[in-house]
Protein backbone atom coordinates (compact mmCIF):
# COMPACT_ATOMS: atom_id res chain seq x y z
CA UNK A 1 0.00 0.00 0.00
CA UNK A 2 1.22 3.50 -0.71
CA UNK A 3 -0.07 7.03 -0.61
CA UNK A 4 -0.59 8.86 -3.89
CA UNK A 5 -0.63 12.62 -3.74
CA UNK A 6 -4.11 13.99 -4.33
CA UNK A 7 -5.63 10.51 -4.23
CA UNK A 8 -4.89 8.88 -0.89
CA UNK A 9 -3.91 5.31 -0.16
CA UNK A 10 -3.80 2.86 -3.05
CA UNK A 11 -3.20 -0.88 -3.05
CA UNK A 12 -2.23 -3.12 -5.95
CA UNK A 13 -3.44 -6.70 -5.64
CA UNK A 14 -2.90 -9.58 -8.05
CA UNK A 15 -5.46 -12.31 -8.67
CA UNK A 16 -6.00 -15.20 -11.05
CA UNK A 17 -8.85 -13.94 -13.21
CA UNK A 18 -9.91 -17.50 -13.99
CA UNK A 19 -10.46 -18.31 -10.30
CA UNK A 20 -13.51 -16.98 -8.50
CA UNK A 21 -11.83 -17.73 -5.15
CA UNK A 22 -8.71 -15.78 -6.13
CA UNK A 23 -10.74 -12.75 -7.24
CA UNK A 24 -12.87 -12.83 -4.08
CA UNK A 25 -9.73 -13.11 -1.93
CA UNK A 26 -8.27 -10.06 -3.67
CA UNK A 27 -11.44 -8.05 -2.96
CA UNK A 28 -11.36 -9.25 0.66
CA UNK A 29 -7.71 -8.18 1.01
CA UNK A 30 -8.43 -4.69 -0.28
CA UNK A 31 -11.58 -4.34 1.82
CA UNK A 32 -9.77 -5.39 5.00
CA UNK A 33 -6.99 -2.85 4.42
CA UNK A 34 -8.81 0.09 2.81
CA UNK A 35 -12.54 -0.49 3.10
CA UNK A 36 -14.91 -1.04 0.15
CA UNK A 37 -13.36 -1.08 -3.33
CA UNK A 38 -13.93 2.23 -5.06
CA UNK A 39 -11.83 1.77 -8.22
CA UNK A 40 -11.03 -1.44 -10.05
CA UNK A 41 -8.52 -1.79 -12.88
CA UNK A 42 -9.19 -5.09 -14.63
CA UNK A 43 -6.04 -5.79 -16.57
CA UNK A 44 -6.49 -9.43 -17.55
CA UNK A 45 -6.55 -10.34 -21.18
CA UNK A 46 -5.74 -13.12 -23.56
CA UNK A 47 -4.95 -13.20 -27.24
CA UNK A 48 -3.59 -15.43 -29.93
CA UNK A 49 -1.51 -13.99 -32.68
CA UNK A 50 -2.83 -15.01 -36.07
CA UNK A 51 -5.70 -14.67 -38.48
CA UNK A 52 -9.28 -15.01 -37.28
CA UNK A 53 -9.85 -18.05 -39.49
CA UNK A 54 -6.85 -19.79 -37.88
CA UNK A 55 -8.44 -19.67 -34.43
CA UNK A 56 -10.77 -22.53 -33.56
CA UNK A 57 -14.15 -21.77 -32.02
CA UNK A 58 -13.04 -23.23 -28.67
CA UNK A 59 -9.85 -21.11 -28.67
CA UNK A 60 -11.92 -18.03 -29.47
CA UNK A 61 -14.30 -18.85 -26.63
CA UNK A 62 -11.43 -19.20 -24.15
CA UNK A 63 -9.93 -15.88 -25.25
CA UNK A 64 -13.33 -14.21 -24.92
CA UNK A 65 -13.86 -15.69 -21.46
CA UNK A 66 -10.63 -14.25 -20.07
CA UNK A 67 -11.00 -10.90 -21.76
CA UNK A 68 -14.65 -10.23 -20.98
CA UNK A 69 -16.85 -12.93 -19.45
CA UNK A 70 -14.63 -13.56 -16.42
CA UNK A 71 -14.49 -9.84 -15.74
CA UNK A 72 -18.27 -9.70 -15.47
CA UNK A 73 -18.71 -13.03 -13.73
CA UNK A 74 -16.23 -12.49 -10.90
CA UNK A 75 -15.98 -8.76 -10.38
CA UNK A 76 -19.63 -7.73 -10.69
CA UNK A 77 -20.88 -9.66 -7.63
CA UNK A 78 -17.93 -8.45 -5.55
CA UNK A 79 -18.48 -4.83 -6.51
CA UNK A 80 -22.21 -5.12 -5.86
CA UNK A 81 -21.69 -6.60 -2.38
CA UNK A 82 -19.20 -3.91 -1.47
CA UNK A 83 -21.34 -1.13 -3.01
CA UNK A 84 -24.15 -2.06 -0.68
CA UNK A 85 -21.75 -1.99 2.29
CA UNK A 86 -20.46 1.41 1.21
CA UNK A 87 -23.97 2.82 0.91
CA UNK A 88 -24.79 1.62 4.44
CA UNK A 89 -21.72 3.26 5.99
C-alpha atoms as a PDB file:
ATOM      1  CA  UNK A   1       0.000   0.000   0.000  1.00  0.00           C
ATOM      2  CA  UNK A   2       1.221   3.496  -0.714  1.00  0.00           C
ATOM      3  CA  UNK A   3      -0.066   7.028  -0.612  1.00  0.00           C
ATOM      4  CA  UNK A   4      -0.591   8.855  -3.887  1.00  0.00           C
ATOM      5  CA  UNK A   5      -0.630  12.623  -3.742  1.00  0.00           C
ATOM      6  CA  UNK A   6      -4.107  13.992  -4.329  1.00  0.00           C
ATOM      7  CA  UNK A   7      -5.632  10.505  -4.231  1.00  0.00           C
ATOM      8  CA  UNK A   8      -4.889   8.884  -0.885  1.00  0.00           C
ATOM      9  CA  UNK A   9      -3.911   5.307  -0.155  1.00  0.00           C
ATOM     10  CA  UNK A  10      -3.800   2.857  -3.053  1.00  0.00           C
ATOM     11  CA  UNK A  11      -3.197  -0.876  -3.052  1.00  0.00           C
ATOM     12  CA  UNK A  12      -2.230  -3.115  -5.947  1.00  0.00           C
ATOM     13  CA  UNK A  13      -3.437  -6.702  -5.643  1.00  0.00           C
ATOM     14  CA  UNK A  14      -2.896  -9.583  -8.049  1.00  0.00           C
ATOM     15  CA  UNK A  15      -5.460 -12.306  -8.671  1.00  0.00           C
ATOM     16  CA  UNK A  16      -5.998 -15.202 -11.054  1.00  0.00           C
ATOM     17  CA  UNK A  17      -8.850 -13.936 -13.213  1.00  0.00           C
ATOM     18  CA  UNK A  18      -9.911 -17.504 -13.993  1.00  0.00           C
ATOM     19  CA  UNK A  19     -10.457 -18.314 -10.304  1.00  0.00           C
ATOM     20  CA  UNK A  20     -13.511 -16.984  -8.498  1.00  0.00           C
ATOM     21  CA  UNK A  21     -11.831 -17.730  -5.150  1.00  0.00           C
ATOM     22  CA  UNK A  22      -8.714 -15.783  -6.125  1.00  0.00           C
ATOM     23  CA  UNK A  23     -10.738 -12.752  -7.237  1.00  0.00           C
ATOM     24  CA  UNK A  24     -12.875 -12.828  -4.077  1.00  0.00           C
ATOM     25  CA  UNK A  25      -9.734 -13.110  -1.928  1.00  0.00           C
ATOM     26  CA  UNK A  26      -8.271 -10.055  -3.666  1.00  0.00           C
ATOM     27  CA  UNK A  27     -11.438  -8.051  -2.956  1.00  0.00           C
ATOM     28  CA  UNK A  28     -11.356  -9.251   0.661  1.00  0.00           C
ATOM     29  CA  UNK A  29      -7.711  -8.180   1.011  1.00  0.00           C
ATOM     30  CA  UNK A  30      -8.435  -4.688  -0.280  1.00  0.00           C
ATOM     31  CA  UNK A  31     -11.580  -4.340   1.821  1.00  0.00           C
ATOM     32  CA  UNK A  32      -9.774  -5.391   4.997  1.00  0.00           C
ATOM     33  CA  UNK A  33      -6.992  -2.846   4.423  1.00  0.00           C
ATOM     34  CA  UNK A  34      -8.808   0.094   2.810  1.00  0.00           C
ATOM     35  CA  UNK A  35     -12.540  -0.493   3.097  1.00  0.00           C
ATOM     36  CA  UNK A  36     -14.908  -1.035   0.153  1.00  0.00           C
ATOM     37  CA  UNK A  37     -13.363  -1.083  -3.330  1.00  0.00           C
ATOM     38  CA  UNK A  38     -13.925   2.233  -5.060  1.00  0.00           C
ATOM     39  CA  UNK A  39     -11.831   1.767  -8.222  1.00  0.00           C
ATOM     40  CA  UNK A  40     -11.026  -1.440 -10.055  1.00  0.00           C
ATOM     41  CA  UNK A  41      -8.524  -1.785 -12.880  1.00  0.00           C
ATOM     42  CA  UNK A  42      -9.190  -5.086 -14.633  1.00  0.00           C
ATOM     43  CA  UNK A  43      -6.040  -5.791 -16.570  1.00  0.00           C
ATOM     44  CA  UNK A  44      -6.487  -9.428 -17.549  1.00  0.00           C
ATOM     45  CA  UNK A  45      -6.551 -10.341 -21.183  1.00  0.00           C
ATOM     46  CA  UNK A  46      -5.737 -13.122 -23.563  1.00  0.00           C
ATOM     47  CA  UNK A  47      -4.950 -13.195 -27.241  1.00  0.00           C
ATOM     48  CA  UNK A  48      -3.593 -15.425 -29.929  1.00  0.00           C
ATOM     49  CA  UNK A  49      -1.508 -13.990 -32.682  1.00  0.00           C
ATOM     50  CA  UNK A  50      -2.827 -15.013 -36.073  1.00  0.00           C
ATOM     51  CA  UNK A  51      -5.699 -14.665 -38.480  1.00  0.00           C
ATOM     52  CA  UNK A  52      -9.275 -15.009 -37.275  1.00  0.00           C
ATOM     53  CA  UNK A  53      -9.852 -18.050 -39.486  1.00  0.00           C
ATOM     54  CA  UNK A  54      -6.850 -19.791 -37.880  1.00  0.00           C
ATOM     55  CA  UNK A  55      -8.440 -19.673 -34.425  1.00  0.00           C
ATOM     56  CA  UNK A  56     -10.772 -22.527 -33.556  1.00  0.00           C
ATOM     57  CA  UNK A  57     -14.154 -21.767 -32.016  1.00  0.00           C
ATOM     58  CA  UNK A  58     -13.043 -23.235 -28.669  1.00  0.00           C
ATOM     59  CA  UNK A  59      -9.854 -21.112 -28.675  1.00  0.00           C
ATOM     60  CA  UNK A  60     -11.923 -18.025 -29.466  1.00  0.00           C
ATOM     61  CA  UNK A  61     -14.305 -18.847 -26.629  1.00  0.00           C
ATOM     62  CA  UNK A  62     -11.430 -19.200 -24.146  1.00  0.00           C
ATOM     63  CA  UNK A  63      -9.932 -15.876 -25.250  1.00  0.00           C
ATOM     64  CA  UNK A  64     -13.326 -14.213 -24.925  1.00  0.00           C
ATOM     65  CA  UNK A  65     -13.856 -15.688 -21.461  1.00  0.00           C
ATOM     66  CA  UNK A  66     -10.626 -14.247 -20.065  1.00  0.00           C
ATOM     67  CA  UNK A  67     -10.999 -10.897 -21.759  1.00  0.00           C
ATOM     68  CA  UNK A  68     -14.647 -10.229 -20.976  1.00  0.00           C
ATOM     69  CA  UNK A  69     -16.851 -12.933 -19.449  1.00  0.00           C
ATOM     70  CA  UNK A  70     -14.631 -13.558 -16.415  1.00  0.00           C
ATOM     71  CA  UNK A  71     -14.488  -9.837 -15.738  1.00  0.00           C
ATOM     72  CA  UNK A  72     -18.266  -9.697 -15.472  1.00  0.00           C
ATOM     73  CA  UNK A  73     -18.708 -13.032 -13.726  1.00  0.00           C
ATOM     74  CA  UNK A  74     -16.228 -12.487 -10.896  1.00  0.00           C
ATOM     75  CA  UNK A  75     -15.982  -8.760 -10.384  1.00  0.00           C
ATOM     76  CA  UNK A  76     -19.631  -7.729 -10.689  1.00  0.00           C
ATOM     77  CA  UNK A  77     -20.882  -9.663  -7.630  1.00  0.00           C
ATOM     78  CA  UNK A  78     -17.929  -8.452  -5.549  1.00  0.00           C
ATOM     79  CA  UNK A  79     -18.481  -4.834  -6.511  1.00  0.00           C
ATOM     80  CA  UNK A  80     -22.212  -5.118  -5.864  1.00  0.00           C
ATOM     81  CA  UNK A  81     -21.688  -6.595  -2.383  1.00  0.00           C
ATOM     82  CA  UNK A  82     -19.203  -3.912  -1.467  1.00  0.00           C
ATOM     83  CA  UNK A  83     -21.341  -1.132  -3.011  1.00  0.00           C
ATOM     84  CA  UNK A  84     -24.153  -2.059  -0.683  1.00  0.00           C
ATOM     85  CA  UNK A  85     -21.750  -1.991   2.286  1.00  0.00           C
ATOM     86  CA  UNK A  86     -20.461   1.406   1.206  1.00  0.00           C
ATOM     87  CA  UNK A  87     -23.970   2.816   0.905  1.00  0.00           C
ATOM     88  CA  UNK A  88     -24.786   1.622   4.437  1.00  0.00           C
ATOM     89  CA  UNK A  89     -21.716   3.261   5.987  1.00  0.00           C
END
